[in-house]
Amino acid sequence: MIYYHLSYQNPLTHFVDIVITIKANQQQELYLQLPAWRPGRYELQQFAQRLRTVSASANGESITIEKVTKDRWQVQTGGASEVAISYSFFARQMDAGGSWLDEEQLYLNPINCLMAVEGREQEPCQLQLQLPEEWQIACGLPETGKHTLEATSFDALVDSPFIASDSLKRETFEVNGYTFHIWLQGNCKPDWAKIKQDFIGFTKEQLEVFGDFPVPEYHYLNQILPYRYYHGVEHSHSTVITLGPGELLMSPALYKEFVGVSSHELYHTWNIKKIRPKEMLPYNFAQENYFRTGYVAEGITTYYGDYLLARSGFFTAEAYFEELNTTLQRYFADYGRHNLSVADSSFDLWLDGYKPGIPDRKVSIYIKGALTALLLDLQLRQVTGNKASMDVVMRELWERFGKKNIGYSEQDYAELVDEVAGQSLQSYFDKYINGTEPIEPALDEVLRYVGCTLAEQQNPLMYEGKYGFKISSEASIKVTAIAPGSPASELLSIDDELVALNGRKLESNLQQLLALEPQEMELALFREKQLRVVRLEANGQSYYSKYSVQKRQDVTAAEKENFRLWLKQTF
């Protein structure tokens, strides 16, 4: 067993003191590896930047410890049977993947700060926390003694975040014999009856898809913050969700986000924590784990997170369509969809997947992944006469791969889709997963199967729809995006600061001035501190179109039944 001890002196410094005790050592040289990234966010995060004063000792005396890479250390043990590694970690990142220490709580994602002893990662681990006596611990790991947690391996340890404080709120519910704990840390007034009713609703739907649950108990660890925030990260027995502002938790807008992110993260318990790409089984925490199936891991989860809220009745069909329409707007606002496939964008998560990046380079695996999941779900329903759907695909992935701890490949997934469809759907993968063909015609076709259509409307913002540029007006009016081939693409540049239209100063009034339909459009702007004047002319085409899912007026009885089978709601 590897022993980890956590304590702190002054919580206002945000430093956590960590001691790793390695017993039964038989090595002259020990290597310790701090994770370089965390599951759920596929980019290097350089956690070692937050460590201070790393030292080693044995038999009460200092021994040599040297850094051999940015996050790997070598210890000369001198043959000592017991070695201790000591260091401090700066815990001041309040999001669902970070860690935070102050006078009210210790919230820790162990993957941020705990080192693995190379060669002994499969040994059980004990985590002892030196905390105020009255503090509770919310965590997916068992508490084997007062403020002492145990894990079966290093992977299990770092996949188990916790919140420790004396102000935690908790409610528990059961579905199909599985126990679910909802923990809240922070100021809020939860309506527990409503929360439990809605959580039970989407949990039942998810269990209906997969048949059973990977773990006997599950913990929602919620950091309810006093400011606007939204973030969630999945774990095998739990999720951490950071959400705010707390006083608005039960307001319709924020409560919808609370339930939505909770549904999304619960689905991840199967899809990515258990149903895992072969490239990530096991995880290699020392370097990138490249994989091309992010559209399965994140895209399908994004689709199902909201879709199952419609099936459970939390969303009306109209409310669900609003969520879909938001996804559509985000997809069509980025011309990167023409330049990089969702599979290639999955691979490039490790490069720049969580940053805006250069203009029109890539797509979001969450957004396009969700839309291609919707497309495939309806295609499967259509080609099988409603006998199969994405539910069958996901349950088979769970039975064949997740349950057996076998990683799946791109080919495994594509072959399973064909098997469920009873025919080849290779064109789906060629065009929309590995290619960049427009999805609009195919999406409209399958939506018609359930009595709906993909409607296109011209963008009501004239500078976007007519001239092809987007702006930000936080401090000044700056160009943030330009549609390729648009009038703006010939005359404007990213970060141009627009100051006047036809001699009139711009003060968040560009749309109103354009609505007057001036005969000409003379824009004064600053580019690299130089004043310029350009004349924009519309070319009769439209850009940044708005798409929405709408019910058709000419719907047939058969299509209404298809709709009911899809959403579990009447048309």
Protein backbone atom coordinates (compact mmCIF):
# COMPACT_ATOMS: atom_id res chain seq x y z
CA MET A 1 0.00 0.00 0.00
CA ILE A 2 1.13 3.54 -0.83
CA TYR A 3 0.28 6.16 1.82
CA TYR A 4 -0.64 9.78 1.06
CA HIS A 5 -1.02 12.31 3.88
CA LEU A 6 -2.54 15.75 3.27
CA SER A 7 -2.51 18.69 5.69
CA TYR A 8 -2.21 22.45 5.67
CA GLN A 9 -0.95 25.21 7.94
CA ASN A 10 -2.74 28.35 6.77
CA PRO A 11 -5.70 27.84 4.42
CA LEU A 12 -5.48 31.42 3.19
CA THR A 13 -2.16 30.62 1.47
CA HIS A 14 -3.97 27.85 -0.47
CA PHE A 15 -0.98 25.51 -0.01
CA VAL A 16 -1.68 21.85 0.79
CA ASP A 17 1.23 19.91 2.31
CA ILE A 18 1.60 16.41 0.90
CA VAL A 19 3.67 13.49 2.17
CA ILE A 20 3.88 10.23 0.21
CA THR A 21 5.16 7.31 2.27
CA ILE A 22 6.49 4.36 0.28
CA LYS A 23 6.92 1.22 2.38
CA ALA A 24 8.49 -2.14 1.48
CA ASN A 25 10.80 -0.46 -1.01
CA GLN A 26 13.26 -2.73 -2.74
CA GLN A 27 14.61 -0.30 -5.31
CA GLN A 28 17.86 1.65 -5.27
CA GLU A 29 16.23 4.17 -7.58
CA LEU A 30 12.57 5.16 -7.35
CA TYR A 31 10.70 7.13 -9.99
CA LEU A 32 7.62 9.24 -9.27
CA GLN A 33 5.32 10.56 -11.98
CA LEU A 34 2.89 13.45 -11.51
CA PRO A 35 0.03 13.31 -14.05
CA ALA A 36 0.44 15.74 -16.91
CA TRP A 37 -3.28 15.80 -17.78
CA ARG A 38 -6.61 14.65 -16.42
CA PRO A 39 -9.32 12.45 -17.99
CA GLY A 40 -12.20 14.55 -19.21
CA ARG A 41 -9.93 17.24 -20.62
CA TYR A 42 -7.64 15.96 -23.30
CA GLU A 43 -4.81 18.47 -23.22
CA LEU A 44 -1.57 18.69 -21.23
CA GLN A 45 -2.16 20.77 -18.12
CA GLN A 46 1.31 20.95 -16.54
CA PHE A 47 0.15 20.36 -12.98
CA ALA A 48 3.80 20.36 -11.85
CA GLN A 49 3.75 24.15 -12.14
CA ARG A 50 1.82 24.18 -8.87
CA LEU A 51 4.27 22.14 -6.78
CA ARG A 52 6.74 23.72 -4.37
CA THR A 53 9.72 22.38 -2.42
CA VAL A 54 9.87 18.74 -3.44
CA SER A 55 12.14 16.73 -1.12
CA ALA A 56 12.77 13.13 -0.07
CA SER A 57 13.89 11.45 3.14
CA ALA A 58 14.62 8.01 4.59
CA ASN A 59 15.49 6.98 8.12
CA GLY A 60 15.03 10.57 9.25
CA GLU A 61 17.60 11.97 6.84
CA SER A 62 17.40 13.74 3.49
CA ILE A 63 18.11 11.70 0.38
CA THR A 64 18.71 12.80 -3.19
CA ILE A 65 15.70 13.54 -5.40
CA GLU A 66 16.17 14.92 -8.91
CA LYS A 67 13.77 16.05 -11.59
CA VAL A 68 14.28 14.08 -14.82
CA THR A 69 11.39 15.57 -16.84
CA LYS A 70 9.01 18.44 -16.13
CA ASP A 71 6.81 16.16 -14.00
CA ARG A 72 8.92 13.07 -13.18
CA TRP A 73 11.37 12.64 -10.33
CA GLN A 74 14.15 10.13 -9.52
CA VAL A 75 14.94 9.25 -5.91
CA GLN A 76 18.20 7.65 -4.76
CA THR A 77 16.91 5.49 -1.91
CA GLY A 78 20.23 4.08 -0.68
CA GLY A 79 18.36 0.82 -0.21
CA ALA A 80 16.04 2.23 2.48
CA SER A 81 12.90 0.15 2.95
CA GLU A 82 10.76 3.22 3.72
CA VAL A 83 10.96 6.47 1.79
CA ALA A 84 8.98 9.70 2.21
CA ILE A 85 8.39 12.33 -0.49
CA SER A 86 7.26 15.76 0.68
CA TYR A 87 6.05 18.82 -1.23
CA SER A 88 3.41 21.56 -1.22
CA PHE A 89 0.66 22.05 -3.78
CA PHE A 90 -1.04 25.36 -4.57
CA ALA A 91 -4.81 24.66 -4.55
CA ARG A 92 -6.47 27.73 -6.01
CA GLN A 93 -8.36 26.72 -9.13
CA MET A 94 -12.11 26.66 -8.64
CA ASP A 95 -13.53 24.69 -11.51
CA ALA A 96 -14.70 21.10 -11.93
CA GLY A 97 -11.19 19.88 -12.76
CA GLY A 98 -9.23 21.93 -10.23
CA SER A 99 -8.55 22.08 -6.49
CA TRP A 100 -9.26 24.71 -3.86
CA LEU A 101 -8.30 25.33 -0.25
CA ASP A 102 -9.62 28.11 1.95
CA GLU A 103 -10.91 28.49 5.49
CA GLU A 104 -14.26 26.89 4.57
CA GLN A 105 -13.26 23.79 2.59
CA LEU A 106 -10.64 21.57 1.04
CA TYR A 107 -11.73 20.56 -2.44
CA LEU A 108 -9.26 18.35 -4.26
CA ASN A 109 -8.92 16.57 -7.56
CA PRO A 110 -6.10 14.18 -6.57
CA ILE A 111 -4.91 13.94 -10.18
CA ASN A 112 -3.76 17.56 -9.88
CA CYS A 113 -1.23 16.85 -7.18
CA LEU A 114 -0.59 13.20 -6.22
CA MET A 115 2.41 11.42 -7.71
CA ALA A 116 2.38 7.78 -8.81
CA VAL A 117 5.18 5.48 -7.67
CA GLU A 118 6.28 3.88 -10.93
CA GLY A 119 5.89 0.13 -10.95
CA ARG A 120 3.51 0.20 -7.99
CA GLU A 121 0.48 1.90 -9.56
CA GLN A 122 -1.72 -1.18 -9.06
CA GLU A 123 -1.20 -1.31 -5.29
CA PRO A 124 -3.93 -0.07 -2.93
CA CYS A 125 -3.57 3.54 -1.74
CA GLN A 126 -4.53 5.21 1.51
CA LEU A 127 -5.33 8.91 1.66
CA GLN A 128 -5.25 10.41 5.15
CA LEU A 129 -6.58 13.94 5.55
CA GLN A 130 -5.65 16.11 8.51
CA LEU A 131 -8.85 18.14 8.84
CA PRO A 132 -10.95 19.82 11.52
CA GLU A 133 -12.77 17.12 13.49
CA GLU A 134 -16.28 18.25 12.51
CA TRP A 135 -15.66 18.31 8.75
CA GLN A 136 -17.42 15.82 6.47
CA ILE A 137 -15.97 14.31 3.30
CA ALA A 138 -17.99 13.92 0.10
CA CYS A 139 -16.23 11.39 -2.11
CA GLY A 140 -16.78 8.25 -4.16
CA LEU A 141 -14.08 6.40 -2.18
CA PRO A 142 -14.93 4.51 1.02
CA GLU A 143 -13.99 6.23 4.28
CA THR A 144 -12.26 3.43 6.21
CA GLY A 145 -11.44 5.58 9.25
CA LYS A 146 -11.94 9.15 10.42
CA HIS A 147 -10.91 11.32 7.45
CA THR A 148 -9.16 8.34 5.85
CA LEU A 149 -10.00 7.15 2.33
CA GLU A 150 -8.79 4.05 0.54
CA ALA A 151 -8.50 3.23 -3.16
CA THR A 152 -7.73 -0.02 -4.94
CA SER A 153 -5.06 1.55 -7.16
CA PHE A 154 -3.45 4.84 -8.15
CA ASP A 155 -5.91 5.18 -11.05
CA ALA A 156 -8.84 4.77 -8.66
CA LEU A 157 -7.31 7.27 -6.24
CA VAL A 158 -6.79 10.07 -8.75
CA ASP A 159 -10.22 9.44 -10.28
CA SER A 160 -11.87 10.25 -6.94
CA PRO A 161 -12.22 13.97 -6.19
CA PHE A 162 -13.53 15.04 -2.81
CA ILE A 163 -14.97 18.03 -0.98
CA ALA A 164 -14.26 18.30 2.76
CA SER A 165 -16.03 20.93 4.87
CA ASP A 166 -18.50 21.42 7.73
CA SER A 167 -21.19 22.97 5.52
CA LEU A 168 -21.99 20.22 3.01
CA LYS A 169 -25.63 19.50 2.22
CA ARG A 170 -26.68 16.04 1.02
CA GLU A 171 -29.73 14.17 -0.21
CA THR A 172 -29.84 10.56 -1.38
CA PHE A 173 -32.13 8.63 -3.71
CA GLU A 174 -32.27 5.14 -5.17
CA VAL A 175 -33.10 3.87 -8.65
CA ASN A 176 -33.18 0.16 -9.50
CA GLY A 177 -31.18 -0.68 -6.38
CA TYR A 178 -28.39 1.85 -7.09
CA THR A 179 -27.73 4.67 -4.63
CA PHE A 180 -27.13 8.26 -5.73
CA HIS A 181 -25.89 11.06 -3.46
CA ILE A 182 -26.33 14.74 -4.32
CA TRP A 183 -23.85 16.92 -2.38
CA LEU A 184 -24.03 20.73 -2.38
CA GLN A 185 -21.21 22.95 -1.14
CA GLY A 186 -22.03 26.65 -1.15
CA ASN A 187 -24.85 29.05 -0.43
CA CYS A 188 -28.14 28.08 -2.05
CA LYS A 189 -31.68 27.03 -1.19
CA PRO A 190 -32.33 23.75 -2.98
CA ASP A 191 -35.83 22.44 -3.61
CA TRP A 192 -34.86 18.87 -2.78
CA ALA A 193 -38.22 17.36 -3.75
CA LYS A 194 -38.02 18.83 -7.26
CA ILE A 195 -34.32 18.00 -7.65
CA LYS A 196 -34.80 14.37 -6.64
CA GLN A 197 -37.85 13.95 -8.88
CA ASP A 198 -35.99 15.27 -11.93
CA PHE A 199 -32.78 13.35 -11.20
CA ILE A 200 -34.74 10.12 -10.73
CA GLY A 201 -36.44 10.79 -14.09
CA PHE A 202 -33.29 11.04 -16.20
CA THR A 203 -31.51 8.33 -14.21
CA LYS A 204 -34.29 5.85 -15.05
CA GLU A 205 -34.00 6.74 -18.74
CA GLN A 206 -30.24 6.21 -18.73
CA LEU A 207 -30.57 2.87 -16.96
CA GLU A 208 -33.17 1.87 -19.54
CA VAL A 209 -30.61 2.47 -22.29
CA PHE A 210 -27.80 0.45 -20.70
CA GLY A 211 -29.64 -2.05 -18.51
CA ASP A 212 -27.45 -1.69 -15.44
CA PHE A 213 -25.04 0.77 -13.78
CA PRO A 214 -21.24 0.39 -13.58
CA VAL A 215 -21.01 1.14 -9.82
CA PRO A 216 -23.27 0.52 -6.79
CA GLU A 217 -23.09 4.14 -5.52
CA TYR A 218 -22.63 7.45 -7.28
CA HIS A 219 -21.87 10.94 -5.96
CA TYR A 220 -22.76 14.33 -7.48
CA LEU A 221 -20.22 16.74 -5.96
CA ASN A 222 -21.57 20.24 -6.58
CA GLN A 223 -19.64 23.42 -5.92
CA ILE A 224 -22.36 26.07 -5.86
CA LEU A 225 -20.56 29.37 -6.39
CA PRO A 226 -21.57 33.00 -5.70
CA TYR A 227 -20.84 34.01 -9.29
CA ARG A 228 -21.79 32.88 -12.80
CA TYR A 229 -20.11 29.58 -13.66
CA TYR A 230 -20.79 26.31 -15.47
CA HIS A 231 -18.46 23.30 -15.67
CA GLY A 232 -18.64 19.55 -15.10
CA VAL A 233 -16.13 16.68 -15.12
CA GLU A 234 -16.88 12.96 -15.08
CA HIS A 235 -15.39 10.26 -12.84
CA SER A 236 -16.03 6.56 -12.38
CA HIS A 237 -18.05 6.91 -9.14
CA SER A 238 -18.81 10.63 -9.18
CA THR A 239 -18.85 13.94 -10.96
CA VAL A 240 -17.77 17.42 -9.93
CA ILE A 241 -20.00 20.25 -11.10
CA THR A 242 -19.24 23.94 -10.54
CA LEU A 243 -22.29 26.15 -11.01
CA GLY A 244 -23.47 29.58 -10.02
CA PRO A 245 -24.65 32.00 -8.87
CA GLY A 246 -26.03 29.98 -5.96
CA GLU A 247 -28.97 32.27 -5.22
CA LEU A 248 -30.35 31.47 -8.68
CA LEU A 249 -29.94 27.69 -8.45
CA MET A 250 -33.68 27.01 -8.61
CA SER A 251 -34.40 29.72 -11.20
CA PRO A 252 -35.56 28.21 -14.51
CA ALA A 253 -32.45 29.16 -16.48
CA LEU A 254 -29.81 27.96 -14.01
CA TYR A 255 -31.81 24.95 -12.83
CA LYS A 256 -32.05 23.78 -16.45
CA GLU A 257 -28.25 23.94 -16.64
CA PHE A 258 -27.92 22.12 -13.30
CA VAL A 259 -30.08 19.23 -14.46
CA GLY A 260 -28.56 19.26 -17.95
CA VAL A 261 -24.93 19.02 -16.86
CA SER A 262 -25.85 16.37 -14.28
CA SER A 263 -27.50 14.23 -16.95
CA HIS A 264 -24.49 14.68 -19.24
CA GLU A 265 -21.98 13.69 -16.55
CA LEU A 266 -24.00 10.68 -15.41
CA TYR A 267 -24.03 9.36 -18.99
CA HIS A 268 -20.24 9.56 -18.96
CA THR A 269 -20.20 6.91 -16.21
CA TRP A 270 -20.79 4.45 -19.02
CA ASN A 271 -19.52 6.38 -22.05
CA ILE A 272 -15.77 7.11 -21.56
CA LYS A 273 -15.28 5.96 -17.96
CA LYS A 274 -16.14 2.35 -18.90
CA ILE A 275 -16.80 2.35 -22.66
CA ARG A 276 -13.34 3.63 -23.46
CA PRO A 277 -11.29 4.04 -26.65
CA LYS A 278 -8.54 1.44 -26.88
CA GLU A 279 -5.96 4.24 -26.95
CA MET A 280 -6.93 5.10 -23.34
CA LEU A 281 -7.03 1.67 -21.80
CA PRO A 282 -5.09 2.08 -19.63
CA TYR A 283 -4.57 5.83 -19.31
CA ASN A 284 -1.01 7.09 -19.76
CA PHE A 285 -0.85 10.11 -17.50
CA ALA A 286 2.67 11.07 -18.57
CA GLN A 287 1.83 12.08 -22.14
CA GLU A 288 -0.89 12.64 -24.73
CA ASN A 289 -3.33 9.77 -25.37
CA TYR A 290 -4.34 10.50 -28.96
CA PHE A 291 -7.70 9.13 -30.13
CA ARG A 292 -10.05 9.84 -33.04
CA THR A 293 -13.33 8.82 -31.39
CA GLY A 294 -14.02 11.96 -29.36
CA TYR A 295 -17.26 12.22 -31.33
CA VAL A 296 -18.34 9.02 -29.53
CA ALA A 297 -17.01 9.92 -26.07
CA GLU A 298 -18.19 13.53 -26.00
CA GLY A 299 -20.50 13.97 -28.98
CA ILE A 300 -22.86 11.10 -28.21
CA THR A 301 -22.83 12.07 -24.52
CA THR A 302 -23.73 15.66 -25.42
CA TYR A 303 -26.61 14.41 -27.57
CA TYR A 304 -27.95 12.01 -24.96
CA GLY A 305 -27.52 14.40 -22.02
CA ASP A 306 -30.34 16.61 -23.34
CA TYR A 307 -32.21 14.02 -25.41
CA LEU A 308 -32.89 11.83 -22.36
CA LEU A 309 -34.24 14.88 -20.53
CA ALA A 310 -36.89 15.03 -23.25
CA ARG A 311 -37.57 11.31 -22.93
CA SER A 312 -37.92 11.65 -19.15
CA GLY A 313 -40.37 14.54 -19.52
CA PHE A 314 -38.10 17.18 -17.98
CA PHE A 315 -38.05 18.96 -21.34
CA THR A 316 -41.15 19.42 -23.43
CA ALA A 317 -40.52 18.77 -27.12
CA GLU A 318 -40.44 22.53 -27.66
CA ALA A 319 -37.90 23.04 -24.85
CA TYR A 320 -35.76 20.23 -26.25
CA PHE A 321 -35.86 21.80 -29.70
CA GLU A 322 -34.60 25.04 -28.14
CA GLU A 323 -31.55 23.14 -26.87
CA LEU A 324 -31.05 21.54 -30.29
CA ASN A 325 -31.36 24.92 -31.97
CA THR A 326 -28.69 26.38 -29.70
CA THR A 327 -26.40 23.53 -30.75
CA LEU A 328 -27.21 24.20 -34.40
CA GLN A 329 -26.39 27.92 -34.05
CA ARG A 330 -23.03 27.10 -32.51
CA TYR A 331 -22.27 24.64 -35.30
CA PHE A 332 -23.19 26.91 -38.18
CA ALA A 333 -21.44 29.93 -36.67
CA ASP A 334 -18.05 28.30 -37.39
CA TYR A 335 -16.84 27.72 -40.95
CA GLY A 336 -14.26 25.28 -39.60
CA ARG A 337 -16.86 22.61 -40.37
CA HIS A 338 -15.69 22.79 -43.99
CA ASN A 339 -12.01 22.28 -43.16
CA LEU A 340 -11.49 19.58 -40.52
CA SER A 341 -13.53 16.45 -39.85
CA VAL A 342 -14.89 15.65 -36.41
CA ALA A 343 -12.60 12.59 -36.24
CA ASP A 344 -9.53 14.70 -37.03
CA SER A 345 -10.74 17.34 -34.57
CA SER A 346 -10.91 14.57 -31.95
CA PHE A 347 -7.26 13.75 -32.56
CA ASP A 348 -6.38 17.44 -32.37
CA LEU A 349 -7.98 17.93 -28.97
CA TRP A 350 -4.44 17.58 -27.64
CA LEU A 351 -3.31 20.41 -29.90
CA ASP A 352 -5.92 23.13 -29.50
CA GLY A 353 -9.27 21.48 -28.86
CA TYR A 354 -10.22 23.71 -25.95
CA LYS A 355 -9.15 27.04 -27.47
CA PRO A 356 -10.82 29.10 -30.21
CA GLY A 357 -7.79 28.53 -32.43
CA ILE A 358 -7.14 30.18 -35.76
CA PRO A 359 -10.18 31.08 -37.87
CA ASP A 360 -12.15 28.25 -39.45
CA ARG A 361 -9.64 25.48 -38.64
CA LYS A 362 -11.64 22.84 -36.75
CA VAL A 363 -15.01 21.77 -35.38
CA SER A 364 -16.14 21.08 -31.84
CA ILE A 365 -16.39 17.37 -31.08
CA TYR A 366 -19.15 18.24 -28.61
CA ILE A 367 -21.25 20.20 -31.10
CA LYS A 368 -20.72 18.31 -34.35
CA GLY A 369 -20.49 15.09 -32.35
CA ALA A 370 -23.95 15.73 -30.92
CA LEU A 371 -25.47 16.58 -34.32
CA THR A 372 -23.95 13.53 -36.01
CA ALA A 373 -25.27 11.40 -33.11
CA LEU A 374 -28.76 12.81 -33.70
CA LEU A 375 -28.36 12.11 -37.41
CA LEU A 376 -27.26 8.52 -36.79
CA ASP A 377 -29.99 7.87 -34.20
CA LEU A 378 -32.72 8.90 -36.65
CA GLN A 379 -31.05 7.09 -39.56
CA LEU A 380 -31.01 3.87 -37.56
CA ARG A 381 -34.67 4.31 -36.65
CA GLN A 382 -35.49 4.96 -40.29
CA VAL A 383 -33.60 2.03 -41.86
CA THR A 384 -34.83 -0.46 -39.23
CA GLY A 385 -38.44 0.73 -39.02
CA ASN A 386 -37.90 1.81 -35.40
CA LYS A 387 -36.58 -1.61 -34.38
CA ALA A 388 -33.15 -0.16 -33.53
CA SER A 389 -31.59 3.17 -32.57
CA MET A 390 -28.50 4.62 -30.90
CA ASP A 391 -29.80 3.01 -27.70
CA VAL A 392 -28.94 -0.41 -29.16
CA VAL A 393 -25.50 0.75 -30.31
CA MET A 394 -24.63 2.15 -26.89
CA ARG A 395 -25.92 -0.87 -24.99
CA GLU A 396 -23.87 -3.17 -27.22
CA LEU A 397 -20.77 -1.02 -26.68
CA TRP A 398 -21.39 -1.39 -22.94
CA GLU A 399 -21.94 -5.15 -23.08
CA ARG A 400 -19.09 -5.96 -25.49
CA PHE A 401 -16.45 -3.48 -24.43
CA GLY A 402 -17.25 -1.49 -21.27
CA LYS A 403 -18.30 -4.42 -19.09
CA LYS A 404 -15.34 -6.51 -20.26
CA ASN A 405 -12.80 -3.71 -19.80
CA ILE A 406 -11.86 -3.88 -23.48
CA GLY A 407 -11.10 -0.70 -25.42
CA TYR A 408 -12.97 -0.15 -28.70
CA SER A 409 -11.46 1.08 -31.97
CA GLU A 410 -12.89 3.28 -34.73
CA GLN A 411 -13.45 0.12 -36.75
CA ASP A 412 -15.20 -1.63 -33.86
CA TYR A 413 -17.66 1.25 -33.59
CA ALA A 414 -18.32 1.48 -37.35
CA GLU A 415 -18.84 -2.28 -37.63
CA LEU A 416 -21.26 -2.26 -34.70
CA VAL A 417 -23.28 0.55 -36.30
CA ASP A 418 -23.54 -1.49 -39.52
CA GLU A 419 -24.59 -4.57 -37.55
CA VAL A 420 -27.34 -2.67 -35.73
CA ALA A 421 -28.51 -1.04 -38.98
CA GLY A 422 -28.56 -4.35 -40.83
CA GLN A 423 -26.80 -2.66 -43.73
CA SER A 424 -23.70 -0.60 -44.45
CA LEU A 425 -23.72 2.98 -43.21
CA GLN A 426 -20.17 3.58 -44.42
CA SER A 427 -21.30 6.70 -46.28
CA TYR A 428 -22.29 8.25 -42.93
CA PHE A 429 -18.72 7.80 -41.66
CA ASP A 430 -17.13 8.84 -44.96
CA LYS A 431 -19.17 12.02 -45.28
CA TYR A 432 -19.87 13.27 -41.76
CA ILE A 433 -17.32 11.67 -39.40
CA ASN A 434 -14.14 11.33 -41.47
CA GLY A 435 -15.21 13.90 -44.05
CA THR A 436 -16.50 17.45 -44.09
CA GLU A 437 -19.62 17.22 -46.26
CA PRO A 438 -22.49 19.50 -45.18
CA ILE A 439 -24.87 17.68 -42.84
CA GLU A 440 -27.90 19.86 -43.60
CA PRO A 441 -29.54 17.71 -46.35
CA ALA A 442 -29.11 14.44 -44.44
CA LEU A 443 -30.29 15.99 -41.18
CA ASP A 444 -33.37 17.44 -42.82
CA GLU A 445 -34.19 14.07 -44.39
CA VAL A 446 -34.10 12.13 -41.11
CA LEU A 447 -35.95 14.87 -39.24
CA ARG A 448 -38.75 14.50 -41.78
CA TYR A 449 -39.00 10.86 -40.67
CA VAL A 450 -40.20 12.15 -37.28
CA GLY A 451 -42.45 14.85 -38.74
CA CYS A 452 -39.97 17.71 -38.47
CA THR A 453 -37.69 19.71 -40.73
CA LEU A 454 -34.41 21.61 -40.54
CA ALA A 455 -35.46 25.16 -41.35
CA GLU A 456 -33.02 27.82 -42.52
CA GLN A 457 -33.60 31.51 -41.89
CA GLN A 458 -31.46 34.49 -42.81
CA ASN A 459 -29.48 35.88 -39.91
CA PRO A 460 -31.41 38.87 -38.51
CA LEU A 461 -28.14 40.69 -37.70
CA MET A 462 -27.45 42.46 -40.99
CA TYR A 463 -23.70 42.75 -40.52
CA GLU A 464 -23.56 38.96 -40.07
CA GLY A 465 -26.19 37.80 -42.56
CA LYS A 466 -25.70 40.38 -45.32
CA TYR A 467 -22.03 41.32 -45.03
CA GLY A 468 -20.52 38.27 -43.32
CA PHE A 469 -18.75 39.47 -40.19
CA LYS A 470 -19.21 39.12 -36.45
CA ILE A 471 -18.35 41.67 -33.79
CA SER A 472 -17.63 41.94 -30.10
CA SER A 473 -18.63 45.12 -28.32
CA GLU A 474 -17.30 44.66 -24.79
CA ALA A 475 -14.94 47.65 -24.65
CA SER A 476 -14.89 48.60 -28.32
CA ILE A 477 -16.55 47.22 -31.45
CA LYS A 478 -14.09 44.70 -32.88
CA VAL A 479 -14.39 42.22 -35.72
CA THR A 480 -14.20 38.69 -34.27
CA ALA A 481 -15.00 36.45 -37.26
CA ILE A 482 -15.37 36.76 -41.02
CA ALA A 483 -17.25 34.39 -43.33
CA PRO A 484 -15.07 33.13 -46.19
CA GLY A 485 -16.12 34.60 -49.55
CA SER A 486 -18.30 37.28 -47.97
CA PRO A 487 -18.14 41.02 -48.72
CA ALA A 488 -16.36 41.49 -45.39
CA SER A 489 -13.65 38.96 -46.33
CA GLU A 490 -12.34 41.33 -49.03
CA LEU A 491 -12.07 44.42 -46.86
CA LEU A 492 -12.04 43.58 -43.14
CA SER A 493 -9.57 41.81 -40.88
CA ILE A 494 -9.86 40.11 -37.50
CA ASP A 495 -9.53 42.66 -34.66
CA ASP A 496 -10.41 45.65 -36.80
CA GLU A 497 -11.91 48.24 -34.45
CA LEU A 498 -15.02 49.77 -36.05
CA VAL A 499 -15.59 53.40 -35.09
CA ALA A 500 -18.09 54.94 -37.54
CA LEU A 501 -20.66 54.06 -40.21
CA ASN A 502 -21.32 56.71 -42.84
CA GLY A 503 -19.87 59.31 -40.50
CA ARG A 504 -21.97 58.24 -37.52
CA LYS A 505 -20.07 57.11 -34.42
CA LEU A 506 -20.65 53.45 -33.54
CA GLU A 507 -21.86 52.84 -29.99
CA SER A 508 -23.53 49.42 -29.98
CA ASN A 509 -25.82 50.78 -32.71
CA LEU A 510 -24.45 49.06 -35.84
CA GLN A 511 -27.52 46.87 -36.32
CA GLN A 512 -29.90 49.79 -35.88
CA LEU A 513 -28.01 51.92 -38.39
CA LEU A 514 -27.92 49.10 -40.94
CA ALA A 515 -31.66 48.54 -40.45
CA LEU A 516 -32.15 52.01 -42.00
CA GLU A 517 -30.82 50.39 -45.20
CA PRO A 518 -28.33 53.08 -46.20
CA GLN A 519 -27.48 53.38 -49.91
CA GLU A 520 -23.81 52.82 -49.16
CA MET A 521 -21.88 51.40 -46.23
CA GLU A 522 -18.74 53.40 -45.47
CA LEU A 523 -16.98 52.00 -42.42
CA ALA A 524 -14.27 53.87 -40.55
CA LEU A 525 -12.00 51.62 -38.55
CA PHE A 526 -8.68 51.36 -36.78
CA ARG A 527 -6.37 48.58 -37.95
CA GLU A 528 -3.09 48.27 -36.05
CA LYS A 529 -3.68 51.82 -34.75
CA GLN A 530 -4.04 53.18 -38.30
CA LEU A 531 -7.30 54.83 -39.38
CA ARG A 532 -8.84 53.36 -42.53
CA VAL A 533 -12.09 53.71 -44.43
CA VAL A 534 -13.64 50.88 -46.43
CA ARG A 535 -16.81 50.60 -48.51
CA LEU A 536 -18.77 47.38 -48.12
CA GLU A 537 -21.28 46.24 -50.73
CA ALA A 538 -23.66 43.32 -50.30
CA ASN A 539 -23.43 40.59 -52.94
CA GLY A 540 -26.93 39.18 -52.57
CA GLN A 541 -25.80 36.10 -50.68
CA SER A 542 -26.42 35.35 -47.00
CA TYR A 543 -23.98 34.22 -44.33
CA TYR A 544 -24.17 32.79 -40.82
CA SER A 545 -27.66 31.46 -41.49
CA LYS A 546 -29.84 30.45 -38.55
CA TYR A 547 -31.06 26.86 -38.50
CA SER A 548 -33.80 25.42 -36.33
CA VAL A 549 -35.70 22.16 -35.91
CA GLN A 550 -39.40 22.72 -36.49
CA LYS A 551 -42.49 20.52 -36.66
CA ARG A 552 -43.98 20.22 -40.13
CA GLN A 553 -47.54 21.19 -40.91
CA ASP A 554 -47.96 18.34 -43.42
CA VAL A 555 -46.96 15.63 -40.93
CA THR A 556 -48.45 12.16 -41.45
CA ALA A 557 -49.84 9.80 -38.84
CA ALA A 558 -46.87 7.46 -39.35
CA GLU A 559 -44.42 10.32 -38.78
CA LYS A 560 -46.26 11.30 -35.59
CA GLU A 561 -45.80 7.75 -34.33
CA ASN A 562 -42.10 7.85 -35.24
CA PHE A 563 -41.84 11.09 -33.26
CA ARG A 564 -43.50 9.47 -30.24
CA LEU A 565 -41.15 6.50 -30.36
CA TRP A 566 -38.16 8.84 -30.57
CA LEU A 567 -39.03 11.38 -27.85
CA LYS A 568 -41.61 9.47 -25.78
CA GLN A 569 -43.90 12.47 -26.32
CA THR A 570 -46.95 12.99 -28.48
CA PHE A 571 -46.44 15.11 -31.58
